[in-house]
C-alpha atoms as a PDB file:
ATOM      1  CA  THR A   1      -0.025  -0.072  -0.162  1.00  0.00           C
ATOM      2  CA  PRO A   2       1.811   3.477  -0.879  1.00  0.00           C
ATOM      3  CA  GLY A   3       2.587   5.531   2.032  1.00  0.00           C
ATOM      4  CA  THR A   4       3.408   9.107   2.909  1.00  0.00           C
ATOM      5  CA  MET A   5       6.452  10.231   4.695  1.00  0.00           C
ATOM      6  CA  ARG A   6       7.716  13.486   5.655  1.00  0.00           C
ATOM      7  CA  ILE A   7      11.544  14.011   6.862  1.00  0.00           C
ATOM      8  CA  THR A   8      12.195  17.170   8.209  1.00  0.00           C
ATOM      9  CA  SER A   9      15.257  18.891   9.785  1.00  0.00           C
ATOM     10  CA  SER A  10      16.957  15.716  10.243  1.00  0.00           C
ATOM     11  CA  LEU A  11      19.965  13.683   9.307  1.00  0.00           C
ATOM     12  CA  ILE A  12      20.214  10.126   7.575  1.00  0.00           C
ATOM     13  CA  THR A  13      24.003   8.963   7.826  1.00  0.00           C
ATOM     14  CA  GLY A  14      25.946   6.051   7.526  1.00  0.00           C
ATOM     15  CA  ASN A  15      23.280   3.282   6.453  1.00  0.00           C
ATOM     16  CA  THR A  16      24.547   0.432   4.209  1.00  0.00           C
ATOM     17  CA  VAL A  17      22.640  -1.866   1.938  1.00  0.00           C
ATOM     18  CA  THR A  18      25.149  -4.999   1.208  1.00  0.00           C
ATOM     19  CA  ASP A  19      22.625  -7.232  -0.634  1.00  0.00           C
ATOM     20  CA  THR A  20      23.417  -6.563  -4.492  1.00  0.00           C
ATOM     21  CA  ASP A  21      19.584  -6.876  -5.246  1.00  0.00           C
ATOM     22  CA  ASN A  22      18.418  -4.268  -2.907  1.00  0.00           C
ATOM     23  CA  ASP A  23      18.784  -0.667  -3.225  1.00  0.00           C
ATOM     24  CA  GLY A  24      18.555   2.954  -1.744  1.00  0.00           C
ATOM     25  CA  GLY A  25      21.663   3.135   0.974  1.00  0.00           C
ATOM     26  CA  GLY A  26      19.867   5.704   2.623  1.00  0.00           C
ATOM     27  CA  ILE A  27      16.314   5.646   1.815  1.00  0.00           C
ATOM     28  CA  LEU A  28      14.047   3.179  -0.390  1.00  0.00           C
ATOM     29  CA  ASN A  29      10.845   4.937  -1.188  1.00  0.00           C
ATOM     30  CA  ASN A  30       8.558   2.590  -3.822  1.00  0.00           C
ATOM     31  CA  ASN A  31       5.111   1.429  -4.877  1.00  0.00           C
ATOM     32  CA  GLY A  32       3.473   4.902  -5.357  1.00  0.00           C
ATOM     33  CA  SER A  33       4.711   6.475  -1.766  1.00  0.00           C
ATOM     34  CA  ASN A  34       5.142   9.960  -0.985  1.00  0.00           C
ATOM     35  CA  LEU A  35       8.334  11.221   0.373  1.00  0.00           C
ATOM     36  CA  THR A  36       8.990  14.687   1.066  1.00  0.00           C
ATOM     37  CA  ILE A  37      12.515  15.688   2.294  1.00  0.00           C
ATOM     38  CA  THR A  38      13.018  19.240   3.871  1.00  0.00           C
ATOM     39  CA  GLY A  39      15.954  20.910   5.587  1.00  0.00           C
ATOM     40  CA  SER A  40      17.913  17.726   5.940  1.00  0.00           C
ATOM     41  CA  ILE A  41      20.927  16.042   5.506  1.00  0.00           C
ATOM     42  CA  ILE A  42      21.351  12.388   3.794  1.00  0.00           C
ATOM     43  CA  SER A  43      25.106  11.409   3.849  1.00  0.00           C
ATOM     44  CA  ASN A  44      27.493   8.857   3.941  1.00  0.00           C
ATOM     45  CA  ASN A  45      25.289   5.959   2.739  1.00  0.00           C
ATOM     46  CA  SER A  46      26.066   3.136   0.740  1.00  0.00           C
ATOM     47  CA  THR A  47      24.465   0.352  -1.309  1.00  0.00           C
ATOM     48  CA  ASN A  48      25.991  -2.648  -3.440  1.00  0.00           C
ATOM     49  CA  ASP A  49      23.039  -1.658  -5.975  1.00  0.00           C
ATOM     50  CA  ASP A  50      21.288   1.638  -6.975  1.00  0.00           C
ATOM     51  CA  GLY A  51      20.585   4.787  -5.021  1.00  0.00           C
ATOM     52  CA  GLY A  52      23.407   5.160  -2.540  1.00  0.00           C
ATOM     53  CA  GLY A  53      21.481   8.184  -0.608  1.00  0.00           C
ATOM     54  CA  ILE A  54      17.849   7.741  -1.695  1.00  0.00           C
ATOM     55  CA  TYR A  55      16.405   5.282  -4.463  1.00  0.00           C
ATOM     56  CA  ASN A  56      13.248   6.322  -5.877  1.00  0.00           C
ATOM     57  CA  ASP A  57      11.024   3.481  -7.772  1.00  0.00           C
ATOM     58  CA  ASN A  58       7.613   4.574  -9.122  1.00  0.00           C
ATOM     59  CA  ALA A  59       7.289   7.254  -6.528  1.00  0.00           C
ATOM     60  CA  THR A  60       7.152  10.520  -5.826  1.00  0.00           C
ATOM     61  CA  LEU A  61      10.187  12.456  -3.953  1.00  0.00           C
ATOM     62  CA  THR A  62      10.431  16.153  -3.371  1.00  0.00           C
ATOM     63  CA  VAL A  63      13.761  17.350  -1.985  1.00  0.00           C
ATOM     64  CA  THR A  64      13.794  20.986  -0.560  1.00  0.00           C
ATOM     65  CA  ASN A  65      16.627  22.903   0.871  1.00  0.00           C
ATOM     66  CA  SER A  66      18.553  19.755   1.565  1.00  0.00           C
ATOM     67  CA  GLN A  67      21.641  17.973   1.409  1.00  0.00           C
ATOM     68  CA  ILE A  68      22.743  15.056  -0.486  1.00  0.00           C
ATOM     69  CA  THR A  69      26.459  14.294  -0.180  1.00  0.00           C
ATOM     70  CA  GLY A  70      28.899  11.538   0.237  1.00  0.00           C
ATOM     71  CA  ASN A  71      26.635   8.989  -0.536  1.00  0.00           C
ATOM     72  CA  THR A  72      28.038   5.647  -2.923  1.00  0.00           C
ATOM     73  CA  ALA A  73      26.203   3.145  -5.148  1.00  0.00           C
ATOM     74  CA  SER A  74      28.047   0.136  -6.668  1.00  0.00           C
ATOM     75  CA  GLY A  75      25.452  -1.555  -8.894  1.00  0.00           C
ATOM     76  CA  SER A  76      26.535  -2.714 -12.026  1.00  0.00           C
ATOM     77  CA  GLY A  77      24.820  -2.973 -15.582  1.00  0.00           C
ATOM     78  CA  ASP A  78      22.787   0.136 -15.250  1.00  0.00           C
ATOM     79  CA  GLU A  79      23.777   3.991 -14.222  1.00  0.00           C
ATOM     80  CA  SER A  80      23.597   3.668 -10.443  1.00  0.00           C
ATOM     81  CA  GLY A  81      22.831   6.788  -9.071  1.00  0.00           C
ATOM     82  CA  GLY A  82      25.382   7.876  -6.326  1.00  0.00           C
ATOM     83  CA  GLY A  83      22.994  10.238  -4.566  1.00  0.00           C
ATOM     84  CA  ILE A  84      19.808   9.831  -6.200  1.00  0.00           C
ATOM     85  CA  ALA A  85      18.135   7.224  -8.422  1.00  0.00           C
ATOM     86  CA  ASN A  86      15.192   7.792  -9.898  1.00  0.00           C
ATOM     87  CA  ASP A  87      13.512   4.606 -11.584  1.00  0.00           C
ATOM     88  CA  ASN A  88      10.467   3.128 -13.261  1.00  0.00           C
ATOM     89  CA  GLY A  89       8.297   6.077 -13.872  1.00  0.00           C
ATOM     90  CA  GLY A  90       9.167   7.746 -10.326  1.00  0.00           C
ATOM     91  CA  THR A  91       8.554  11.529 -10.077  1.00  0.00           C
ATOM     92  CA  VAL A  92      11.578  13.498  -8.174  1.00  0.00           C
ATOM     93  CA  THR A  93      11.724  17.593  -7.511  1.00  0.00           C
ATOM     94  CA  ILE A  94      14.740  18.710  -6.109  1.00  0.00           C
ATOM     95  CA  GLU A  95      14.513  22.591  -5.281  1.00  0.00           C
ATOM     96  CA  GLU A  96      14.978  25.407  -2.732  1.00  0.00           C
ATOM     97  CA  HIS A  97      18.635  25.308  -2.695  1.00  0.00           C
ATOM     98  CA  SER A  98      19.522  21.496  -2.217  1.00  0.00           C
ATOM     99  CA  VAL A  99      22.701  20.359  -2.691  1.00  0.00           C
ATOM    100  CA  ILE A 100      23.708  17.169  -4.352  1.00  0.00           C
ATOM    101  CA  THR A 101      27.725  16.942  -3.724  1.00  0.00           C
ATOM    102  CA  HIS A 102      30.330  14.759  -3.253  1.00  0.00           C
ATOM    103  CA  ASN A 103      28.497  11.713  -4.355  1.00  0.00           C
ATOM    104  CA  SER A 104      29.826   8.588  -6.285  1.00  0.00           C
ATOM    105  CA  ALA A 105      28.532   5.596  -8.361  1.00  0.00           C
ATOM    106  CA  VAL A 106      30.364   2.685 -10.136  1.00  0.00           C
ATOM    107  CA  ASP A 107      28.479   2.415 -13.313  1.00  0.00           C
ATOM    108  CA  GLY A 108      27.268   6.424 -14.324  1.00  0.00           C
ATOM    109  CA  GLY A 109      25.251   8.803 -12.740  1.00  0.00           C
ATOM    110  CA  GLY A 110      27.832   9.838 -10.220  1.00  0.00           C
ATOM    111  CA  GLY A 111      25.098  12.742  -8.581  1.00  0.00           C
ATOM    112  CA  ILE A 112      22.039  11.702  -9.882  1.00  0.00           C
ATOM    113  CA  VAL A 113      20.564   8.813 -12.068  1.00  0.00           C
ATOM    114  CA  ASN A 114      17.191   9.843 -14.024  1.00  0.00           C
ATOM    115  CA  VAL A 115      16.044   6.408 -15.917  1.00  0.00           C
ATOM    116  CA  ALA A 116      13.427   4.015 -17.323  1.00  0.00           C
ATOM    117  CA  ALA A 117       9.759   3.868 -18.116  1.00  0.00           C
ATOM    118  CA  SER A 118       8.909   7.747 -18.403  1.00  0.00           C
ATOM    119  CA  SER A 119      10.503   8.543 -14.955  1.00  0.00           C
ATOM    120  CA  THR A 120      10.600  12.508 -15.028  1.00  0.00           C
ATOM    121  CA  MET A 121      13.161  15.023 -12.512  1.00  0.00           C
ATOM    122  CA  THR A 122      13.075  18.595 -12.013  1.00  0.00           C
ATOM    123  CA  ILE A 123      15.679  20.785 -10.572  1.00  0.00           C
ATOM    124  CA  THR A 124      15.008  24.125  -9.533  1.00  0.00           C
ATOM    125  CA  ASP A 125      17.644  26.566  -7.579  1.00  0.00           C
ATOM    126  CA  SER A 126      19.693  23.836  -6.646  1.00  0.00           C
ATOM    127  CA  THR A 127      23.267  22.685  -7.198  1.00  0.00           C
ATOM    128  CA  VAL A 128      24.832  19.029  -8.378  1.00  0.00           C
ATOM    129  CA  SER A 129      28.394  19.398  -7.956  1.00  0.00           C
ATOM    130  CA  ALA A 130      31.727  17.548  -7.136  1.00  0.00           C
ATOM    131  CA  ASN A 131      30.111  14.044  -8.117  1.00  0.00           C
ATOM    132  CA  THR A 132      32.012  11.348  -9.819  1.00  0.00           C
ATOM    133  CA  THR A 133      31.649   8.032 -11.422  1.00  0.00           C
ATOM    134  CA  PRO A 134      34.411   5.658 -13.575  1.00  0.00           C
ATOM    135  CA  GLY A 135      31.043   5.436 -15.928  1.00  0.00           C
ATOM    136  CA  SER A 136      29.107   7.533 -17.361  1.00  0.00           C
ATOM    137  CA  GLY A 137      27.126  11.103 -16.384  1.00  0.00           C
ATOM    138  CA  GLY A 138      29.657  12.556 -13.509  1.00  0.00           C
ATOM    139  CA  GLY A 139      26.645  15.012 -12.286  1.00  0.00           C
ATOM    140  CA  ILE A 140      23.434  13.271 -13.849  1.00  0.00           C
ATOM    141  CA  ALA A 141      22.565  10.599 -16.233  1.00  0.00           C
ATOM    142  CA  ASN A 142      19.364  10.690 -17.882  1.00  0.00           C
ATOM    143  CA  GLY A 143      18.061   8.213 -20.220  1.00  0.00           C
ATOM    144  CA  ASN A 144      15.460   5.421 -21.490  1.00  0.00           C
ATOM    145  CA  ASP A 145      12.516   7.873 -22.094  1.00  0.00           C
ATOM    146  CA  ALA A 146      13.450   9.862 -18.801  1.00  0.00           C
ATOM    147  CA  GLN A 147      12.267  13.552 -18.866  1.00  0.00           C
ATOM    148  CA  LEU A 148      14.997  15.717 -17.264  1.00  0.00           C
ATOM    149  CA  GLU A 149      14.176  19.480 -16.311  1.00  0.00           C
ATOM    150  CA  ILE A 150      17.031  22.102 -14.810  1.00  0.00           C
ATOM    151  CA  SER A 151      16.537  25.666 -14.217  1.00  0.00           C
ATOM    152  CA  GLN A 152      18.263  28.402 -12.181  1.00  0.00           C
ATOM    153  CA  SER A 153      20.408  25.502 -11.312  1.00  0.00           C
ATOM    154  CA  THR A 154      24.522  25.129 -11.211  1.00  0.00           C
ATOM    155  CA  ILE A 155      25.969  21.671 -12.536  1.00  0.00           C
ATOM    156  CA  ALA A 156      29.872  22.046 -11.548  1.00  0.00           C
ATOM    157  CA  ASP A 157      33.003  20.426 -10.728  1.00  0.00           C
ATOM    158  CA  ASN A 158      31.591  16.613 -11.842  1.00  0.00           C
ATOM    159  CA  THR A 159      33.659  14.202 -13.411  1.00  0.00           C
ATOM    160  CA  ALA A 160      33.041  11.147 -15.474  1.00  0.00           C
ATOM    161  CA  ALA A 161      35.789   8.877 -16.446  1.00  0.00           C
ATOM    162  CA  SER A 162      33.665   7.668 -19.591  1.00  0.00           C
ATOM    163  CA  LEU A 163      30.935  10.440 -21.144  1.00  0.00           C
ATOM    164  CA  GLY A 164      29.226  13.354 -20.180  1.00  0.00           C
ATOM    165  CA  GLY A 165      31.022  15.108 -16.995  1.00  0.00           C
ATOM    166  CA  GLY A 166      27.940  17.266 -16.004  1.00  0.00           C
ATOM    167  CA  ILE A 167      25.489  15.743 -17.874  1.00  0.00           C
ATOM    168  CA  TYR A 168      24.739  12.307 -19.561  1.00  0.00           C
ATOM    169  CA  ASN A 169      21.583  11.855 -21.896  1.00  0.00           C
ATOM    170  CA  LEU A 170      21.109   8.113 -22.887  1.00  0.00           C
ATOM    171  CA  ASN A 171      19.278   6.634 -25.678  1.00  0.00           C
ATOM    172  CA  PRO A 172      20.930   3.298 -26.345  1.00  0.00           C
ATOM    173  CA  SER A 173      18.588   1.956 -28.830  1.00  0.00           C
ATOM    174  CA  GLY A 174      18.299   5.439 -30.641  1.00  0.00           C
ATOM    175  CA  ILE A 175      14.506   4.855 -30.524  1.00  0.00           C
ATOM    176  CA  ALA A 176      14.016   5.832 -26.854  1.00  0.00           C
ATOM    177  CA  THR A 177      12.958   9.629 -25.991  1.00  0.00           C
ATOM    178  CA  ALA A 178      15.317  10.649 -22.910  1.00  0.00           C
ATOM    179  CA  LYS A 179      14.935  14.483 -22.928  1.00  0.00           C
ATOM    180  CA  VAL A 180      17.213  17.388 -21.175  1.00  0.00           C
ATOM    181  CA  ILE A 181      15.877  20.961 -20.951  1.00  0.00           C
ATOM    182  CA  ILE A 182      18.118  23.533 -19.323  1.00  0.00           C
ATOM    183  CA  ASP A 183      16.879  26.960 -18.590  1.00  0.00           C
ATOM    184  CA  GLY A 184      18.517  29.807 -17.207  1.00  0.00           C
ATOM    185  CA  SER A 185      21.342  27.332 -15.271  1.00  0.00           C
ATOM    186  CA  THR A 186      25.010  27.224 -15.440  1.00  0.00           C
ATOM    187  CA  LEU A 187      27.419  24.139 -16.089  1.00  0.00           C
ATOM    188  CA  ALA A 188      30.990  24.381 -15.843  1.00  0.00           C
ATOM    189  CA  GLY A 189      34.025  22.971 -14.680  1.00  0.00           C
ATOM    190  CA  ASN A 190      32.804  19.388 -15.265  1.00  0.00           C
ATOM    191  CA  HIS A 191      35.654  16.866 -16.369  1.00  0.00           C
ATOM    192  CA  THR A 192      35.533  13.369 -18.612  1.00  0.00           C
END
């Protein structure tokens, strides 16, 4: 049954998921649930799969004036999402001076991954910086029919060893319709 959860002025840190088939080192939000995080820090969590800080699976996530930092995702076979992974038609809003920083992912999307089945993500007035991956999409990996909109935000100083230091928009079959819209934002100092 879908649920509703609010996390306010809190610290979620140092949690680990060791099973390779389970996601969300700090938080797993799934099955149509609605999670709102406000004025909080999600830090130093890890998973052997996807979503080191948060895994949002066919659910709704809003991150407001919060920090997602120092999280790690070690999943392989898909972009992992060190800070946040949004999958299977999930909806994510990141807003009001939120910061996604110093996260890492083994297989891509060092800071954020937004993939699969019409997942949507909106980033407004926020920062994605200093995230890393040995794969693609140092800051953000977007793909497989996912939609990403970025406005009045900064994507800076992220690093990918493969493709897309700041943002990697993936259409693996050449048919999928992954889309990124950027308005009034800064992309600077990203590296591949």
